[in-house]
PDB file of all heavy atoms in Angstrom:
ATOM      1  N   GLY A   1       0.861  -1.203   0.037  1.00  0.00           N
ATOM      2  CA  GLY A   1      -0.023   0.029  -0.018  1.00  0.00           C
ATOM      3  C   GLY A   1       0.894   1.232   0.014  1.00  0.00           C
ATOM      4  O   GLY A   1       1.936   1.223   0.611  1.00  0.00           O
ATOM      5  N   GLY A   2       0.416   2.273  -0.655  1.00  0.00           N
ATOM      6  CA  GLY A   2       1.274   3.490  -0.667  1.00  0.00           C
ATOM      7  C   GLY A   2       0.638   4.569  -1.520  1.00  0.00           C
ATOM      8  O   GLY A   2      -0.571   4.646  -1.695  1.00  0.00           O
ATOM      9  N   TYR A   3       1.527   5.412  -2.077  1.00  0.00           N
ATOM     10  CA  TYR A   3       1.038   6.627  -2.759  1.00  0.00           C
ATOM     11  C   TYR A   3       1.942   6.946  -3.938  1.00  0.00           C
ATOM     12  O   TYR A   3       3.103   6.561  -3.943  1.00  0.00           O
ATOM     13  CB  TYR A   3       1.065   7.806  -1.770  1.00  0.00           C
ATOM     14  CG  TYR A   3       0.304   7.543  -0.509  1.00  0.00           C
ATOM     15  CD1 TYR A   3       0.973   7.052   0.579  1.00  0.00           C
ATOM     16  CD2 TYR A   3      -1.084   7.771  -0.373  1.00  0.00           C
ATOM     17  CE1 TYR A   3       0.309   6.833   1.773  1.00  0.00           C
ATOM     18  CE2 TYR A   3      -1.778   7.526   0.735  1.00  0.00           C
ATOM     19  CZ  TYR A   3      -1.006   7.014   1.851  1.00  0.00           C
ATOM     20  OH  TYR A   3      -1.735   6.782   3.043  1.00  0.00           O
ATOM     21  N   GLN A   4       1.358   7.606  -4.901  1.00  0.00           N
ATOM     22  CA  GLN A   4       2.168   8.333  -5.933  1.00  0.00           C
ATOM     23  C   GLN A   4       2.307   9.807  -5.521  1.00  0.00           C
ATOM     24  O   GLN A   4       1.277  10.459  -5.305  1.00  0.00           O
ATOM     25  CB  GLN A   4       1.578   8.180  -7.323  1.00  0.00           C
ATOM     26  CG  GLN A   4       2.413   8.896  -8.348  1.00  0.00           C
ATOM     27  CD  GLN A   4       1.732   8.897  -9.751  1.00  0.00           C
ATOM     28  OE1 GLN A   4       0.715   8.307  -9.955  1.00  0.00           O
ATOM     29  NE2 GLN A   4       2.380   9.643 -10.668  1.00  0.00           N
ATOM     30  N   LEU A   5       3.504  10.303  -5.429  1.00  0.00           N
ATOM     31  CA  LEU A   5       3.770  11.755  -5.112  1.00  0.00           C
ATOM     32  C   LEU A   5       3.784  12.510  -6.385  1.00  0.00           C
ATOM     33  O   LEU A   5       4.691  12.352  -7.221  1.00  0.00           O
ATOM     34  CB  LEU A   5       5.066  11.782  -4.374  1.00  0.00           C
ATOM     35  CG  LEU A   5       5.598  13.240  -4.051  1.00  0.00           C
ATOM     36  CD1 LEU A   5       4.583  14.002  -3.189  1.00  0.00           C
ATOM     37  CD2 LEU A   5       6.925  13.137  -3.341  1.00  0.00           C
ATOM     38  N   ILE A   6       2.752  13.336  -6.575  1.00  0.00           N
ATOM     39  CA  ILE A   6       2.674  14.146  -7.848  1.00  0.00           C
ATOM     40  C   ILE A   6       2.878  15.599  -7.489  1.00  0.00           C
ATOM     41  O   ILE A   6       2.082  16.231  -6.799  1.00  0.00           O
ATOM     42  CB  ILE A   6       1.223  13.969  -8.428  1.00  0.00           C
ATOM     43  CG1 ILE A   6       0.954  12.468  -8.663  1.00  0.00           C
ATOM     44  CG2 ILE A   6       1.079  14.804  -9.735  1.00  0.00           C
ATOM     45  CD1 ILE A   6      -0.515  12.213  -9.101  1.00  0.00           C
ATOM     46  N   VAL A   7       3.973  16.130  -7.971  1.00  0.00           N
ATOM     47  CA  VAL A   7       4.366  17.507  -7.649  1.00  0.00           C
ATOM     48  C   VAL A   7       3.706  18.438  -8.691  1.00  0.00           C
ATOM     49  O   VAL A   7       3.953  18.283  -9.887  1.00  0.00           O
ATOM     50  CB  VAL A   7       5.869  17.723  -7.658  1.00  0.00           C
ATOM     51  CG1 VAL A   7       6.230  19.145  -7.349  1.00  0.00           C
ATOM     52  CG2 VAL A   7       6.554  16.765  -6.672  1.00  0.00           C
ATOM     53  N   ASN A   8       2.905  19.430  -8.212  1.00  0.00           N
ATOM     54  CA  ASN A   8       2.260  20.332  -9.154  1.00  0.00           C
ATOM     55  C   ASN A   8       2.771  21.780  -9.053  1.00  0.00           C
ATOM     56  O   ASN A   8       2.388  22.649  -9.789  1.00  0.00           O
ATOM     57  CB  ASN A   8       0.739  20.261  -9.032  1.00  0.00           C
ATOM     58  CG  ASN A   8       0.276  20.469  -7.606  1.00  0.00           C
ATOM     59  OD1 ASN A   8       0.990  21.096  -6.812  1.00  0.00           O
ATOM     60  ND2 ASN A   8      -0.908  19.977  -7.240  1.00  0.00           N
ATOM     61  N   ARG A   9       3.634  22.006  -8.092  1.00  0.00           N
ATOM     62  CA  ARG A   9       4.253  23.336  -7.984  1.00  0.00           C
ATOM     63  C   ARG A   9       5.796  23.096  -7.671  1.00  0.00           C
ATOM     64  O   ARG A   9       6.228  23.186  -6.544  1.00  0.00           O
ATOM     65  CB  ARG A   9       3.626  24.178  -6.850  1.00  0.00           C
ATOM     66  CG  ARG A   9       2.147  24.508  -7.131  1.00  0.00           C
ATOM     67  CD  ARG A   9       1.574  25.393  -6.078  1.00  0.00           C
ATOM     68  NE  ARG A   9       2.194  26.763  -6.092  1.00  0.00           N
ATOM     69  CZ  ARG A   9       1.949  27.657  -5.155  1.00  0.00           C
ATOM     70  NH1 ARG A   9       1.162  27.428  -4.126  1.00  0.00           N
ATOM     71  NH2 ARG A   9       2.606  28.882  -5.321  1.00  0.00           N
ATOM     72  N   LYS A  10       6.494  22.814  -8.773  1.00  0.00           N
ATOM     73  CA  LYS A  10       7.880  22.391  -8.644  1.00  0.00           C
ATOM     74  C   LYS A  10       8.805  23.403  -7.952  1.00  0.00           C
ATOM     75  O   LYS A  10       9.711  23.065  -7.232  1.00  0.00           O
ATOM     76  CB  LYS A  10       8.401  21.989 -10.022  1.00  0.00           C
ATOM     77  CG  LYS A  10       7.763  20.773 -10.647  1.00  0.00           C
ATOM     78  CD  LYS A  10       8.280  20.496 -11.978  1.00  0.00           C
ATOM     79  CE  LYS A  10       7.574  19.267 -12.573  1.00  0.00           C
ATOM     80  NZ  LYS A  10       8.028  19.027 -13.997  1.00  0.00           N
ATOM     81  N   LYS A  11       8.550  24.658  -8.259  1.00  0.00           N
ATOM     82  CA  LYS A  11       9.423  25.745  -7.706  1.00  0.00           C
ATOM     83  C   LYS A  11       9.141  25.940  -6.235  1.00  0.00           C
ATOM     84  O   LYS A  11      10.009  26.539  -5.564  1.00  0.00           O
ATOM     85  CB  LYS A  11       9.225  27.063  -8.469  1.00  0.00           C
ATOM     86  CG  LYS A  11       9.798  26.941  -9.917  1.00  0.00           C
ATOM     87  CD  LYS A  11       9.687  28.268 -10.628  1.00  0.00           C
ATOM     88  CE  LYS A  11      10.283  28.225 -12.028  1.00  0.00           C
ATOM     89  NZ  LYS A  11      10.178  29.554 -12.746  1.00  0.00           N
ATOM     90  N   LYS A  12       8.029  25.556  -5.713  1.00  0.00           N
ATOM     91  CA  LYS A  12       7.651  25.764  -4.302  1.00  0.00           C
ATOM     92  C   LYS A  12       7.863  24.469  -3.424  1.00  0.00           C
ATOM     93  O   LYS A  12       8.092  24.587  -2.264  1.00  0.00           O
ATOM     94  CB  LYS A  12       6.233  26.228  -4.161  1.00  0.00           C
ATOM     95  CG  LYS A  12       5.975  27.596  -4.815  1.00  0.00           C
ATOM     96  CD  LYS A  12       6.632  28.705  -4.023  1.00  0.00           C
ATOM     97  CE  LYS A  12       6.234  30.077  -4.587  1.00  0.00           C
ATOM     98  NZ  LYS A  12       6.873  31.206  -3.797  1.00  0.00           N
ATOM     99  N   PHE A  13       7.756  23.341  -4.057  1.00  0.00           N
ATOM    100  CA  PHE A  13       7.746  22.066  -3.291  1.00  0.00           C
ATOM    101  C   PHE A  13       9.138  21.858  -2.730  1.00  0.00           C
ATOM    102  O   PHE A  13      10.156  21.912  -3.375  1.00  0.00           O
ATOM    103  CB  PHE A  13       7.354  20.915  -4.221  1.00  0.00           C
ATOM    104  CG  PHE A  13       7.369  19.611  -3.528  1.00  0.00           C
ATOM    105  CD1 PHE A  13       6.446  19.277  -2.523  1.00  0.00           C
ATOM    106  CD2 PHE A  13       8.248  18.592  -3.985  1.00  0.00           C
ATOM    107  CE1 PHE A  13       6.454  18.065  -1.873  1.00  0.00           C
ATOM    108  CE2 PHE A  13       8.241  17.322  -3.308  1.00  0.00           C
ATOM    109  CZ  PHE A  13       7.306  17.069  -2.332  1.00  0.00           C
ATOM    110  N   HIS A  14       9.158  21.466  -1.395  1.00  0.00           N
ATOM    111  CA  HIS A  14      10.420  21.148  -0.764  1.00  0.00           C
ATOM    112  C   HIS A  14      10.387  19.649  -0.430  1.00  0.00           C
ATOM    113  O   HIS A  14       9.831  19.157   0.535  1.00  0.00           O
ATOM    114  CB  HIS A  14      10.449  21.961   0.602  1.00  0.00           C
ATOM    115  CG  HIS A  14      11.865  22.013   1.214  1.00  0.00           C
ATOM    116  ND1 HIS A  14      12.533  20.923   1.660  1.00  0.00           N
ATOM    117  CD2 HIS A  14      12.660  23.095   1.433  1.00  0.00           C
ATOM    118  CE1 HIS A  14      13.674  21.310   2.146  1.00  0.00           C
ATOM    119  NE2 HIS A  14      13.808  22.641   2.011  1.00  0.00           N
ATOM    120  N   SER A  15      11.037  18.910  -1.340  1.00  0.00           N
ATOM    121  CA  SER A  15      10.999  17.449  -1.230  1.00  0.00           C
ATOM    122  C   SER A  15      11.535  16.909   0.059  1.00  0.00           C
ATOM    123  O   SER A  15      10.980  15.993   0.656  1.00  0.00           O
ATOM    124  CB  SER A  15      11.822  16.859  -2.427  1.00  0.00           C
ATOM    125  OG  SER A  15      11.832  15.453  -2.348  1.00  0.00           O
ATOM    126  N   LEU A  16      12.653  17.480   0.569  1.00  0.00           N
ATOM    127  CA  LEU A  16      13.272  16.944   1.742  1.00  0.00           C
ATOM    128  C   LEU A  16      12.384  17.127   2.969  1.00  0.00           C
ATOM    129  O   LEU A  16      12.247  16.181   3.789  1.00  0.00           O
ATOM    130  CB  LEU A  16      14.584  17.622   1.964  1.00  0.00           C
ATOM    131  CG  LEU A  16      15.452  17.136   3.130  1.00  0.00           C
ATOM    132  CD1 LEU A  16      15.791  15.692   2.962  1.00  0.00           C
ATOM    133  CD2 LEU A  16      16.731  17.949   3.328  1.00  0.00           C
ATOM    134  N   LEU A  17      11.753  18.331   3.092  1.00  0.00           N
ATOM    135  CA  LEU A  17      10.857  18.484   4.232  1.00  0.00           C
ATOM    136  C   LEU A  17       9.689  17.539   4.152  1.00  0.00           C
ATOM    137  O   LEU A  17       9.304  16.955   5.219  1.00  0.00           O
ATOM    138  CB  LEU A  17      10.365  19.967   4.238  1.00  0.00           C
ATOM    139  CG  LEU A  17      11.305  20.999   4.845  1.00  0.00           C
ATOM    140  CD1 LEU A  17      10.750  22.411   4.642  1.00  0.00           C
ATOM    141  CD2 LEU A  17      11.439  20.769   6.358  1.00  0.00           C
ATOM    142  N   PHE A  18       9.129  17.351   2.949  1.00  0.00           N
ATOM    143  CA  PHE A  18       8.096  16.388   2.875  1.00  0.00           C
ATOM    144  C   PHE A  18       8.417  15.017   3.280  1.00  0.00           C
ATOM    145  O   PHE A  18       7.754  14.343   4.104  1.00  0.00           O
ATOM    146  CB  PHE A  18       7.480  16.361   1.456  1.00  0.00           C
ATOM    147  CG  PHE A  18       6.538  15.204   1.221  1.00  0.00           C
ATOM    148  CD1 PHE A  18       5.250  15.246   1.675  1.00  0.00           C
ATOM    149  CD2 PHE A  18       7.035  14.022   0.647  1.00  0.00           C
ATOM    150  CE1 PHE A  18       4.397  14.147   1.527  1.00  0.00           C
ATOM    151  CE2 PHE A  18       6.178  12.967   0.463  1.00  0.00           C
ATOM    152  CZ  PHE A  18       4.837  12.963   0.950  1.00  0.00           C
ATOM    153  N   SER A  19       9.540  14.524   2.763  1.00  0.00           N
ATOM    154  CA  SER A  19       9.962  13.132   3.012  1.00  0.00           C
ATOM    155  C   SER A  19      10.264  12.887   4.490  1.00  0.00           C
ATOM    156  O   SER A  19       9.969  11.839   5.005  1.00  0.00           O
ATOM    157  CB  SER A  19      11.121  12.773   2.114  1.00  0.00           C
ATOM    158  OG  SER A  19      10.754  12.823   0.786  1.00  0.00           O
ATOM    159  N   LEU A  20      10.929  13.871   5.121  1.00  0.00           N
ATOM    160  CA  LEU A  20      11.206  13.721   6.539  1.00  0.00           C
ATOM    161  C   LEU A  20       9.953  13.681   7.348  1.00  0.00           C
ATOM    162  O   LEU A  20       9.784  12.853   8.264  1.00  0.00           O
ATOM    163  CB  LEU A  20      12.141  14.875   6.998  1.00  0.00           C
ATOM    164  CG  LEU A  20      13.558  14.767   6.525  1.00  0.00           C
ATOM    165  CD1 LEU A  20      14.303  16.118   6.718  1.00  0.00           C
ATOM    166  CD2 LEU A  20      14.331  13.660   7.196  1.00  0.00           C
ATOM    167  N   TYR A  21       9.040  14.576   7.068  1.00  0.00           N
ATOM    168  CA  TYR A  21       7.744  14.617   7.708  1.00  0.00           C
ATOM    169  C   TYR A  21       6.966  13.265   7.512  1.00  0.00           C
ATOM    170  O   TYR A  21       6.373  12.730   8.443  1.00  0.00           O
ATOM    171  CB  TYR A  21       6.950  15.799   7.182  1.00  0.00           C
ATOM    172  CG  TYR A  21       5.517  15.914   7.667  1.00  0.00           C
ATOM    173  CD1 TYR A  21       5.245  16.436   8.952  1.00  0.00           C
ATOM    174  CD2 TYR A  21       4.427  15.448   6.932  1.00  0.00           C
ATOM    175  CE1 TYR A  21       3.893  16.512   9.442  1.00  0.00           C
ATOM    176  CE2 TYR A  21       3.120  15.503   7.392  1.00  0.00           C
ATOM    177  CZ  TYR A  21       2.897  16.066   8.655  1.00  0.00           C
ATOM    178  OH  TYR A  21       1.600  16.153   9.098  1.00  0.00           O
ATOM    179  N   MET A  22       6.997  12.806   6.271  1.00  0.00           N
ATOM    180  CA  MET A  22       6.303  11.571   5.944  1.00  0.00           C
ATOM    181  C   MET A  22       6.935  10.352   6.636  1.00  0.00           C
ATOM    182  O   MET A  22       6.170   9.550   7.192  1.00  0.00           O
ATOM    183  CB  MET A  22       6.365  11.363   4.379  1.00  0.00           C
ATOM    184  CG  MET A  22       5.733  10.085   3.887  1.00  0.00           C
ATOM    185  SD  MET A  22       6.953   8.717   3.750  1.00  0.00           S
ATOM    186  CE  MET A  22       7.917   9.302   2.378  1.00  0.00           C
ATOM    187  N   ILE A  23       8.245  10.268   6.707  1.00  0.00           N
ATOM    188  CA  ILE A  23       8.842   9.159   7.352  1.00  0.00           C
ATOM    189  C   ILE A  23       8.522   9.103   8.875  1.00  0.00           C
ATOM    190  O   ILE A  23       8.211   8.091   9.465  1.00  0.00           O
ATOM    191  CB  ILE A  23      10.443   9.235   7.160  1.00  0.00           C
ATOM    192  CG1 ILE A  23      10.718   8.899   5.675  1.00  0.00           C
ATOM    193  CG2 ILE A  23      11.120   8.230   8.078  1.00  0.00           C
ATOM    194  CD1 ILE A  23      12.204   9.147   5.334  1.00  0.00           C
ATOM    195  N   ARG A  24       8.629  10.288   9.469  1.00  0.00           N
ATOM    196  CA  ARG A  24       8.299  10.416  10.924  1.00  0.00           C
ATOM    197  C   ARG A  24       6.861   9.991  11.134  1.00  0.00           C
ATOM    198  O   ARG A  24       6.462   9.299  12.110  1.00  0.00           O
ATOM    199  CB  ARG A  24       8.542  11.755  11.430  1.00  0.00           C
ATOM    200  CG  ARG A  24       8.212  11.955  12.912  1.00  0.00           C
ATOM    201  CD  ARG A  24       8.873  13.209  13.459  1.00  0.00           C
ATOM    202  NE  ARG A  24       8.139  13.703  14.627  1.00  0.00           N
ATOM    203  CZ  ARG A  24       8.557  14.715  15.426  1.00  0.00           C
ATOM    204  NH1 ARG A  24       9.750  15.249  15.179  1.00  0.00           N
ATOM    205  NH2 ARG A  24       7.856  15.102  16.421  1.00  0.00           N
ATOM    206  N   THR A  25       5.936  10.485  10.206  1.00  0.00           N
ATOM    207  CA  THR A  25       4.516  10.186  10.404  1.00  0.00           C
ATOM    208  C   THR A  25       4.254   8.717  10.192  1.00  0.00           C
ATOM    209  O   THR A  25       3.468   8.084  11.011  1.00  0.00           O
ATOM    210  CB  THR A  25       3.672  10.973   9.384  1.00  0.00           C
ATOM    211  OG1 THR A  25       3.918  12.388   9.543  1.00  0.00           O
ATOM    212  CG2 THR A  25       2.192  10.713   9.511  1.00  0.00           C
ATOM    213  N   ILE A  26       4.827   8.079   9.178  1.00  0.00           N
ATOM    214  CA  ILE A  26       4.627   6.650   9.001  1.00  0.00           C
ATOM    215  C   ILE A  26       5.148   5.838  10.196  1.00  0.00           C
ATOM    216  O   ILE A  26       4.547   4.870  10.604  1.00  0.00           O
ATOM    217  CB  ILE A  26       5.316   6.203   7.670  1.00  0.00           C
ATOM    218  CG1 ILE A  26       4.681   6.896   6.454  1.00  0.00           C
ATOM    219  CG2 ILE A  26       5.295   4.668   7.540  1.00  0.00           C
ATOM    220  CD1 ILE A  26       3.305   6.452   6.117  1.00  0.00           C
ATOM    221  N   ARG A  27       6.262   6.266  10.684  1.00  0.00           N
ATOM    222  CA  ARG A  27       6.906   5.576  11.820  1.00  0.00           C
ATOM    223  C   ARG A  27       5.939   5.644  13.076  1.00  0.00           C
ATOM    224  O   ARG A  27       5.780   4.665  13.781  1.00  0.00           O
ATOM    225  CB  ARG A  27       8.214   6.170  12.172  1.00  0.00           C
ATOM    226  CG  ARG A  27       9.000   5.446  13.249  1.00  0.00           C
ATOM    227  CD  ARG A  27      10.297   6.098  13.572  1.00  0.00           C
ATOM    228  NE  ARG A  27      10.998   5.367  14.608  1.00  0.00           N
ATOM    229  CZ  ARG A  27      11.889   5.814  15.413  1.00  0.00           C
ATOM    230  NH1 ARG A  27      12.259   7.104  15.269  1.00  0.00           N
ATOM    231  NH2 ARG A  27      12.530   5.121  16.343  1.00  0.00           N
ATOM    232  N   GLU A  28       5.335   6.823  13.231  1.00  0.00           N
ATOM    233  CA  GLU A  28       4.411   6.972  14.379  1.00  0.00           C
ATOM    234  C   GLU A  28       3.097   6.173  14.190  1.00  0.00           C
ATOM    235  O   GLU A  28       2.540   5.626  15.121  1.00  0.00           O
ATOM    236  CB  GLU A  28       4.089   8.460  14.520  1.00  0.00           C
ATOM    237  CG  GLU A  28       5.247   9.287  15.074  1.00  0.00           C
ATOM    238  CD  GLU A  28       4.999  10.768  15.014  1.00  0.00           C
ATOM    239  OE1 GLU A  28       3.998  11.227  14.399  1.00  0.00           O
ATOM    240  OE2 GLU A  28       5.843  11.501  15.496  1.00  0.00           O
ATOM    241  N   GLN A  29       2.669   6.088  12.875  1.00  0.00           N
ATOM    242  CA  GLN A  29       1.420   5.357  12.592  1.00  0.00           C
ATOM    243  C   GLN A  29       1.633   3.878  12.684  1.00  0.00           C
ATOM    244  O   GLN A  29       0.702   3.133  13.007  1.00  0.00           O
ATOM    245  CB  GLN A  29       0.934   5.786  11.192  1.00  0.00           C
ATOM    246  CG  GLN A  29       0.383   7.144  11.048  1.00  0.00           C
ATOM    247  CD  GLN A  29      -1.045   7.202  11.440  1.00  0.00           C
ATOM    248  OE1 GLN A  29      -1.849   6.327  11.160  1.00  0.00           O
ATOM    249  NE2 GLN A  29      -1.453   8.321  12.070  1.00  0.00           N
ATOM    250  N   TYR A  30       2.788   3.376  12.272  1.00  0.00           N
ATOM    251  CA  TYR A  30       3.077   1.941  12.208  1.00  0.00           C
ATOM    252  C   TYR A  30       4.386   1.623  13.008  1.00  0.00           C
ATOM    253  O   TYR A  30       5.370   1.135  12.421  1.00  0.00           O
ATOM    254  CB  TYR A  30       3.210   1.469  10.800  1.00  0.00           C
ATOM    255  CG  TYR A  30       2.004   1.730   9.960  1.00  0.00           C
ATOM    256  CD1 TYR A  30       1.937   2.894   9.140  1.00  0.00           C
ATOM    257  CD2 TYR A  30       0.909   0.849   9.948  1.00  0.00           C
ATOM    258  CE1 TYR A  30       0.773   3.164   8.368  1.00  0.00           C
ATOM    259  CE2 TYR A  30      -0.253   1.070   9.225  1.00  0.00           C
ATOM    260  CZ  TYR A  30      -0.302   2.266   8.412  1.00  0.00           C
ATOM    261  OH  TYR A  30      -1.430   2.498   7.682  1.00  0.00           O
ATOM    262  N   PRO A  31       4.395   1.854  14.334  1.00  0.00           N
ATOM    263  CA  PRO A  31       5.610   1.728  15.098  1.00  0.00           C
ATOM    264  C   PRO A  31       6.142   0.282  15.177  1.00  0.00           C
ATOM    265  O   PRO A  31       7.379   0.076  15.261  1.00  0.00           O
ATOM    266  CB  PRO A  31       5.185   2.183  16.519  1.00  0.00           C
ATOM    267  CG  PRO A  31       3.721   2.010  16.528  1.00  0.00           C
ATOM    268  CD  PRO A  31       3.209   2.319  15.134  1.00  0.00           C
ATOM    269  N   LYS A  32       5.282  -0.704  15.036  1.00  0.00           N
ATOM    270  CA  LYS A  32       5.783  -2.114  15.142  1.00  0.00           C
ATOM    271  C   LYS A  32       6.247  -2.609  13.749  1.00  0.00           C
ATOM    272  O   LYS A  32       7.092  -3.507  13.700  1.00  0.00           O
ATOM    273  CB  LYS A  32       4.648  -2.983  15.655  1.00  0.00           C
ATOM    274  CG  LYS A  32       4.251  -2.749  17.052  1.00  0.00           C
ATOM    275  CD  LYS A  32       3.142  -3.708  17.558  1.00  0.00           C
ATOM    276  CE  LYS A  32       2.800  -3.430  18.979  1.00  0.00           C
ATOM    277  NZ  LYS A  32       1.719  -4.365  19.448  1.00  0.00           N
ATOM    278  N   GLN A  33       5.753  -2.036  12.647  1.00  0.00           N
ATOM    279  CA  GLN A  33       6.153  -2.511  11.356  1.00  0.00           C
ATOM    280  C   GLN A  33       7.255  -1.689  10.704  1.00  0.00           C
ATOM    281  O   GLN A  33       8.115  -2.289   9.983  1.00  0.00           O
ATOM    282  CB  GLN A  33       4.920  -2.502  10.415  1.00  0.00           C
ATOM    283  CG  GLN A  33       3.783  -3.490  10.866  1.00  0.00           C
ATOM    284  CD  GLN A  33       2.703  -2.738  11.589  1.00  0.00           C
ATOM    285  OE1 GLN A  33       2.984  -1.777  12.306  1.00  0.00           O
ATOM    286  NE2 GLN A  33       1.452  -3.155  11.425  1.00  0.00           N
ATOM    287  N   PHE A  34       7.250  -0.414  10.917  1.00  0.00           N
ATOM    288  CA  PHE A  34       8.347   0.434  10.356  1.00  0.00           C
ATOM    289  C   PHE A  34       9.653   0.086  10.943  1.00  0.00           C
ATOM    290  O   PHE A  34       9.822  -0.180  12.155  1.00  0.00           O
ATOM    291  CB  PHE A  34       7.982   1.870  10.593  1.00  0.00           C
ATOM    292  CG  PHE A  34       9.051   2.836  10.105  1.00  0.00           C
ATOM    293  CD1 PHE A  34       9.000   3.313   8.758  1.00  0.00           C
ATOM    294  CD2 PHE A  34      10.097   3.212  10.883  1.00  0.00           C
ATOM    295  CE1 PHE A  34      10.051   4.155   8.327  1.00  0.00           C
ATOM    296  CE2 PHE A  34      11.154   4.039  10.397  1.00  0.00           C
ATOM    297  CZ  PHE A  34      11.061   4.567   9.106  1.00  0.00           C
ATOM    298  N   ALA A  35      10.713   0.167  10.112  1.00  0.00           N
ATOM    299  CA  ALA A  35      12.059  -0.110  10.629  1.00  0.00           C
ATOM    300  C   ALA A  35      13.067   0.664   9.707  1.00  0.00           C
ATOM    301  O   ALA A  35      12.778   0.874   8.539  1.00  0.00           O
ATOM    302  CB  ALA A  35      12.428  -1.564  10.677  1.00  0.00           C
ATOM    303  N   TYR A  36      14.217   0.969  10.252  1.00  0.00           N
ATOM    304  CA  TYR A  36      15.300   1.495   9.482  1.00  0.00           C
ATOM    305  C   TYR A  36      16.185   0.348   8.951  1.00  0.00           C
ATOM    306  O   TYR A  36      16.276  -0.687   9.561  1.00  0.00           O
ATOM    307  CB  TYR A  36      16.185   2.444  10.261  1.00  0.00           C
ATOM    308  CG  TYR A  36      15.505   3.788  10.643  1.00  0.00           C
ATOM    309  CD1 TYR A  36      15.187   4.108  12.002  1.00  0.00           C
ATOM    310  CD2 TYR A  36      15.176   4.652   9.600  1.00  0.00           C
ATOM    311  CE1 TYR A  36      14.578   5.298  12.251  1.00  0.00           C
ATOM    312  CE2 TYR A  36      14.516   5.835   9.913  1.00  0.00           C
ATOM    313  CZ  TYR A  36      14.233   6.185  11.210  1.00  0.00           C
ATOM    314  OH  TYR A  36      13.590   7.385  11.525  1.00  0.00           O
ATOM    315  N   HIS A  37      16.721   0.606   7.722  1.00  0.00           N
ATOM    316  CA  HIS A  37      17.637  -0.373   7.113  1.00  0.00           C
ATOM    317  C   HIS A  37      18.861  -0.607   7.980  1.00  0.00           C
ATOM    318  O   HIS A  37      19.453   0.341   8.442  1.00  0.00           O
ATOM    319  CB  HIS A  37      18.004   0.113   5.723  1.00  0.00           C
ATOM    320  CG  HIS A  37      19.067  -0.716   5.041  1.00  0.00           C
ATOM    321  ND1 HIS A  37      18.755  -1.872   4.408  1.00  0.00           N
ATOM    322  CD2 HIS A  37      20.424  -0.512   4.955  1.00  0.00           C
ATOM    323  CE1 HIS A  37      19.892  -2.406   3.938  1.00  0.00           C
ATOM    324  NE2 HIS A  37      20.915  -1.580   4.218  1.00  0.00           N
ATOM    325  N   GLN A  38      19.184  -1.873   8.197  1.00  0.00           N
ATOM    326  CA  GLN A  38      20.397  -2.201   8.913  1.00  0.00           C
ATOM    327  C   GLN A  38      21.408  -2.908   7.974  1.00  0.00           C
ATOM    328  O   GLN A  38      21.043  -3.433   6.951  1.00  0.00           O
ATOM    329  CB  GLN A  38      20.036  -3.137  10.055  1.00  0.00           C
ATOM    330  CG  GLN A  38      19.058  -2.553  11.046  1.00  0.00           C
ATOM    331  CD  GLN A  38      19.562  -1.292  11.731  1.00  0.00           C
ATOM    332  OE1 GLN A  38      20.737  -1.187  12.128  1.00  0.00           O
ATOM    333  NE2 GLN A  38      18.614  -0.303  11.964  1.00  0.00           N
ATOM    334  N   GLY A  39      22.679  -2.853   8.305  1.00  0.00           N
ATOM    335  CA  GLY A  39      23.665  -3.555   7.519  1.00  0.00           C
ATOM    336  C   GLY A  39      24.457  -2.555   6.616  1.00  0.00           C
ATOM    337  O   GLY A  39      24.264  -1.357   6.729  1.00  0.00           O
ATOM    338  N   ILE A  40      25.294  -3.154   5.824  1.00  0.00           N
ATOM    339  CA  ILE A  40      26.190  -2.365   4.980  1.00  0.00           C
ATOM    340  C   ILE A  40      25.381  -1.560   3.949  1.00  0.00           C
ATOM    341  O   ILE A  40      24.501  -2.071   3.344  1.00  0.00           O
ATOM    342  CB  ILE A  40      27.220  -3.268   4.238  1.00  0.00           C
ATOM    343  CG1 ILE A  40      28.120  -3.953   5.250  1.00  0.00           C
ATOM    344  CG2 ILE A  40      28.031  -2.473   3.248  1.00  0.00           C
ATOM    345  CD1 ILE A  40      29.066  -4.936   4.640  1.00  0.00           C
TER     346      ILE A  40
END
């Protein structure tokens, strides 16, 4: 399950801020399933 990210205002959109906010939100919503990559 997921989403397609469709940018409609390229000059205004801040990709990094969105992705950090999204990762933190997903982690909070799914604390038992979400994980960070481990290993090399």
